[in-house]
PDB file of N, CA and C in Angstrom:
ATOM      1  N   TYR A   1      13.809 -10.404 -16.134  1.00  0.00           N
ATOM      2  CA  TYR A   1      12.742 -10.049 -16.964  1.00  0.00           C
ATOM      3  C   TYR A   1      12.765 -10.715 -18.369  1.00  0.00           C
ATOM      4  N   VAL A   2      13.972 -10.727 -18.878  1.00  0.00           N
ATOM      5  CA  VAL A   2      14.150 -11.374 -20.273  1.00  0.00           C
ATOM      6  C   VAL A   2      13.733 -12.916 -20.291  1.00  0.00           C
ATOM      7  N   VAL A   3      14.062 -13.601 -19.243  1.00  0.00           N
ATOM      8  CA  VAL A   3      13.780 -15.011 -19.045  1.00  0.00           C
ATOM      9  C   VAL A   3      12.320 -15.263 -18.770  1.00  0.00           C
ATOM     10  N   THR A   4      11.757 -14.417 -17.715  1.00  0.00           N
ATOM     11  CA  THR A   4      10.482 -14.736 -17.246  1.00  0.00           C
ATOM     12  C   THR A   4       9.388 -13.831 -17.989  1.00  0.00           C
ATOM     13  N   GLY A   5       9.669 -12.772 -18.591  1.00  0.00           N
ATOM     14  CA  GLY A   5       8.687 -11.967 -19.127  1.00  0.00           C
ATOM     15  C   GLY A   5       7.852 -11.125 -18.101  1.00  0.00           C
ATOM     16  N   ASP A   6       8.211 -11.416 -16.922  1.00  0.00           N
ATOM     17  CA  ASP A   6       7.323 -10.716 -15.723  1.00  0.00           C
ATOM     18  C   ASP A   6       7.737  -9.218 -15.663  1.00  0.00           C
ATOM     19  N   ALA A   7       6.730  -8.417 -15.940  1.00  0.00           N
ATOM     20  CA  ALA A   7       6.938  -6.996 -15.993  1.00  0.00           C
ATOM     21  C   ALA A   7       7.412  -6.332 -14.695  1.00  0.00           C
ATOM     22  N   HIS A   8       7.246  -7.080 -13.549  1.00  0.00           N
ATOM     23  CA  HIS A   8       7.663  -6.586 -12.306  1.00  0.00           C
ATOM     24  C   HIS A   8       9.130  -6.452 -12.265  1.00  0.00           C
ATOM     25  N   TYR A   9       9.865  -7.357 -12.823  1.00  0.00           N
ATOM     26  CA  TYR A   9      11.286  -7.352 -12.880  1.00  0.00           C
ATOM     27  C   TYR A   9      11.800  -6.168 -13.796  1.00  0.00           C
ATOM     28  N   LYS A  10      11.002  -5.935 -14.864  1.00  0.00           N
ATOM     29  CA  LYS A  10      11.470  -4.830 -15.724  1.00  0.00           C
ATOM     30  C   LYS A  10      11.300  -3.453 -14.949  1.00  0.00           C
ATOM     31  N   THR A  11      10.226  -3.468 -14.172  1.00  0.00           N
ATOM     32  CA  THR A  11      10.106  -2.286 -13.367  1.00  0.00           C
ATOM     33  C   THR A  11      11.075  -2.067 -12.341  1.00  0.00           C
ATOM     34  N   HIS A  12      11.511  -3.089 -11.688  1.00  0.00           N
ATOM     35  CA  HIS A  12      12.621  -3.013 -10.684  1.00  0.00           C
ATOM     36  C   HIS A  12      13.912  -2.518 -11.396  1.00  0.00           C
ATOM     37  N   TYR A  13      14.036  -3.089 -12.533  1.00  0.00           N
ATOM     38  CA  TYR A  13      15.335  -2.669 -13.190  1.00  0.00           C
ATOM     39  C   TYR A  13      15.291  -1.204 -13.628  1.00  0.00           C
ATOM     40  N   GLN A  14      14.127  -0.779 -14.041  1.00  0.00           N
ATOM     41  CA  GLN A  14      14.023   0.695 -14.479  1.00  0.00           C
ATOM     42  C   GLN A  14      14.200   1.521 -13.185  1.00  0.00           C
ATOM     43  N   ASP A  15      13.627   1.115 -12.105  1.00  0.00           N
ATOM     44  CA  ASP A  15      13.727   1.826 -10.782  1.00  0.00           C
ATOM     45  C   ASP A  15      15.167   1.945 -10.356  1.00  0.00           C
ATOM     46  N   ILE A  16      16.028   0.940 -10.583  1.00  0.00           N
ATOM     47  CA  ILE A  16      17.367   0.873 -10.123  1.00  0.00           C
ATOM     48  C   ILE A  16      18.152   1.963 -11.017  1.00  0.00           C
ATOM     49  N   LEU A  17      17.804   1.945 -12.393  1.00  0.00           N
ATOM     50  CA  LEU A  17      18.482   2.871 -13.328  1.00  0.00           C
ATOM     51  C   LEU A  17      18.099   4.343 -12.856  1.00  0.00           C
ATOM     52  N   ALA A  18      16.772   4.591 -12.508  1.00  0.00           N
ATOM     53  CA  ALA A  18      16.337   5.941 -12.167  1.00  0.00           C
ATOM     54  C   ALA A  18      16.905   6.367 -10.874  1.00  0.00           C
ATOM     55  N   ILE A  19      17.115   5.508  -9.961  1.00  0.00           N
ATOM     56  CA  ILE A  19      17.707   5.890  -8.671  1.00  0.00           C
ATOM     57  C   ILE A  19      19.221   6.235  -8.919  1.00  0.00           C
ATOM     58  N   ARG A  20      19.897   5.366  -9.826  1.00  0.00           N
ATOM     59  CA  ARG A  20      21.347   5.691 -10.129  1.00  0.00           C
ATOM     60  C   ARG A  20      21.493   6.933 -10.915  1.00  0.00           C
ATOM     61  N   GLU A  21      20.581   7.259 -11.782  1.00  0.00           N
ATOM     62  CA  GLU A  21      20.562   8.560 -12.581  1.00  0.00           C
ATOM     63  C   GLU A  21      20.153   9.758 -11.680  1.00  0.00           C
ATOM     64  N   GLY A  22      19.547   9.623 -10.545  1.00  0.00           N
ATOM     65  CA  GLY A  22      19.080  10.659  -9.656  1.00  0.00           C
ATOM     66  C   GLY A  22      17.767  11.185 -10.073  1.00  0.00           C
ATOM     67  N   THR A  23      16.883  10.478 -10.952  1.00  0.00           N
ATOM     68  CA  THR A  23      15.622  10.892 -11.299  1.00  0.00           C
ATOM     69  C   THR A  23      14.590  10.333 -10.417  1.00  0.00           C
ATOM     70  N   LYS A  24      14.902   9.365  -9.634  1.00  0.00           N
ATOM     71  CA  LYS A  24      13.921   8.846  -8.593  1.00  0.00           C
ATOM     72  C   LYS A  24      14.658   8.835  -7.278  1.00  0.00           C
ATOM     73  N   LEU A  25      13.830   9.202  -6.190  1.00  0.00           N
ATOM     74  CA  LEU A  25      14.489   9.331  -4.933  1.00  0.00           C
ATOM     75  C   LEU A  25      14.818   7.933  -4.324  1.00  0.00           C
ATOM     76  N   ARG A  26      15.876   7.828  -3.552  1.00  0.00           N
ATOM     77  CA  ARG A  26      16.316   6.571  -2.924  1.00  0.00           C
ATOM     78  C   ARG A  26      15.314   6.206  -1.859  1.00  0.00           C
ATOM     79  N   PRO A  27      14.990   4.902  -1.742  1.00  0.00           N
ATOM     80  CA  PRO A  27      14.118   4.486  -0.659  1.00  0.00           C
ATOM     81  C   PRO A  27      14.902   4.540   0.728  1.00  0.00           C
ATOM     82  N   VAL A  28      14.138   4.714   1.857  1.00  0.00           N
ATOM     83  CA  VAL A  28      14.693   4.786   3.036  1.00  0.00           C
ATOM     84  C   VAL A  28      15.480   3.514   3.326  1.00  0.00           C
ATOM     85  N   ASP A  29      16.586   3.575   4.053  1.00  0.00           N
ATOM     86  CA  ASP A  29      17.446   2.485   4.326  1.00  0.00           C
ATOM     87  C   ASP A  29      17.933   1.752   3.080  1.00  0.00           C
ATOM     88  N   TYR A  30      18.193   2.505   2.035  1.00  0.00           N
ATOM     89  CA  TYR A  30      18.612   1.950   0.761  1.00  0.00           C
ATOM     90  C   TYR A  30      20.085   1.492   0.952  1.00  0.00           C
ATOM     91  N   GLN A  31      20.291   0.261   0.610  1.00  0.00           N
ATOM     92  CA  GLN A  31      21.578  -0.266   0.680  1.00  0.00           C
ATOM     93  C   GLN A  31      21.705  -1.441  -0.270  1.00  0.00           C
ATOM     94  N   SER A  32      22.863  -2.085  -0.371  1.00  0.00           N
ATOM     95  CA  SER A  32      22.954  -3.180  -1.421  1.00  0.00           C
ATOM     96  C   SER A  32      22.026  -4.311  -1.197  1.00  0.00           C
ATOM     97  N   ILE A  33      21.472  -4.644   0.006  1.00  0.00           N
ATOM     98  CA  ILE A  33      20.536  -5.666   0.225  1.00  0.00           C
ATOM     99  C   ILE A  33      19.125  -5.251  -0.135  1.00  0.00           C
ATOM    100  N   TYR A  34      18.891  -3.995  -0.329  1.00  0.00           N
ATOM    101  CA  TYR A  34      17.447  -3.556  -0.620  1.00  0.00           C
ATOM    102  C   TYR A  34      16.706  -4.303  -1.615  1.00  0.00           C
ATOM    103  N   TRP A  35      17.348  -4.628  -2.755  1.00  0.00           N
ATOM    104  CA  TRP A  35      16.691  -5.314  -3.823  1.00  0.00           C
ATOM    105  C   TRP A  35      16.451  -6.780  -3.596  1.00  0.00           C
ATOM    106  N   ASP A  36      17.123  -7.358  -2.537  1.00  0.00           N
ATOM    107  CA  ASP A  36      16.969  -8.758  -2.168  1.00  0.00           C
ATOM    108  C   ASP A  36      15.618  -8.702  -1.367  1.00  0.00           C
ATOM    109  N   LEU A  37      15.352  -7.650  -0.809  1.00  0.00           N
ATOM    110  CA  LEU A  37      14.001  -7.610   0.097  1.00  0.00           C
ATOM    111  C   LEU A  37      12.854  -7.350  -0.812  1.00  0.00           C
ATOM    112  N   VAL A  38      12.918  -6.748  -1.967  1.00  0.00           N
ATOM    113  CA  VAL A  38      11.803  -6.402  -2.809  1.00  0.00           C
ATOM    114  C   VAL A  38      11.209  -7.670  -3.430  1.00  0.00           C
ATOM    115  N   LEU A  39       9.791  -7.792  -3.365  1.00  0.00           N
ATOM    116  CA  LEU A  39       9.231  -8.961  -3.892  1.00  0.00           C
ATOM    117  C   LEU A  39       8.398  -8.421  -5.150  1.00  0.00           C
ATOM    118  N   PRO A  40       8.245  -9.269  -6.085  1.00  0.00           N
ATOM    119  CA  PRO A  40       7.628  -8.829  -7.366  1.00  0.00           C
ATOM    120  C   PRO A  40       6.104  -8.236  -7.305  1.00  0.00           C
ATOM    121  N   ASP A  41       5.282  -8.788  -6.442  1.00  0.00           N
ATOM    122  CA  ASP A  41       3.917  -8.347  -6.386  1.00  0.00           C
ATOM    123  C   ASP A  41       3.591  -7.683  -5.030  1.00  0.00           C
ATOM    124  N   GLN A  42       4.559  -7.173  -4.337  1.00  0.00           N
ATOM    125  CA  GLN A  42       4.480  -6.562  -3.034  1.00  0.00           C
ATOM    126  C   GLN A  42       4.884  -5.122  -3.138  1.00  0.00           C
ATOM    127  N   PRO A  43       4.396  -4.252  -2.239  1.00  0.00           N
ATOM    128  CA  PRO A  43       4.872  -2.859  -2.203  1.00  0.00           C
ATOM    129  C   PRO A  43       6.415  -2.877  -1.747  1.00  0.00           C
ATOM    130  N   PRO A  44       7.091  -1.810  -1.973  1.00  0.00           N
ATOM    131  CA  PRO A  44       8.482  -1.711  -1.549  1.00  0.00           C
ATOM    132  C   PRO A  44       8.520  -1.916  -0.015  1.00  0.00           C
ATOM    133  N   PRO A  45       9.661  -2.450   0.536  1.00  0.00           N
ATOM    134  CA  PRO A  45       9.753  -2.701   1.923  1.00  0.00           C
ATOM    135  C   PRO A  45       9.969  -1.284   2.696  1.00  0.00           C
ATOM    136  N   HIS A  46      10.397  -0.238   1.993  1.00  0.00           N
ATOM    137  CA  HIS A  46      10.489   1.038   2.670  1.00  0.00           C
ATOM    138  C   HIS A  46      10.032   2.115   1.730  1.00  0.00           C
ATOM    139  N   PRO A  47       9.457   3.195   2.270  1.00  0.00           N
ATOM    140  CA  PRO A  47       9.044   4.367   1.420  1.00  0.00           C
ATOM    141  C   PRO A  47      10.260   5.089   0.902  1.00  0.00           C
ATOM    142  N   ASP A  48      10.051   5.971  -0.218  1.00  0.00           N
ATOM    143  CA  ASP A  48      11.146   6.728  -0.618  1.00  0.00           C
ATOM    144  C   ASP A  48      11.537   7.857   0.318  1.00  0.00           C
ATOM    145  N   SER A  49      12.789   8.161   0.309  1.00  0.00           N
ATOM    146  CA  SER A  49      13.326   9.237   1.147  1.00  0.00           C
ATOM    147  C   SER A  49      13.350  10.390   0.395  1.00  0.00           C
ATOM    148  N   LYS A  50      13.963  11.467   1.054  1.00  0.00           N
ATOM    149  CA  LYS A  50      14.096  12.712   0.258  1.00  0.00           C
ATOM    150  C   LYS A  50      15.405  12.884  -0.437  1.00  0.00           C
ATOM    151  N   LEU A  51      16.117  11.803  -0.412  1.00  0.00           N
ATOM    152  CA  LEU A  51      17.529  11.753  -0.996  1.00  0.00           C
ATOM    153  C   LEU A  51      17.598  11.244  -2.337  1.00  0.00           C
ATOM    154  N   ALA A  52      18.356  11.848  -3.154  1.00  0.00           N
ATOM    155  CA  ALA A  52      18.538  11.342  -4.477  1.00  0.00           C
ATOM    156  C   ALA A  52      20.131  11.172  -4.606  1.00  0.00           C
ATOM    157  N   VAL A  53      20.549  10.333  -5.530  1.00  0.00           N
ATOM    158  CA  VAL A  53      22.032  10.100  -5.755  1.00  0.00           C
ATOM    159  C   VAL A  53      22.644  11.343  -6.289  1.00  0.00           C
TER     160      VAL A  53
END
């Protein structure tokens, strides 16, 4: 985000923090590769689950 100024990357960063803090539910099949599958202008590859950290 800092380099590109693209707000999508800031949103992804904030989502990661929220998931880690337990204020946002983890996506289905959430694992370390999940953020490699997320594209800036596309919906998330998996919906949110009912699990929080």
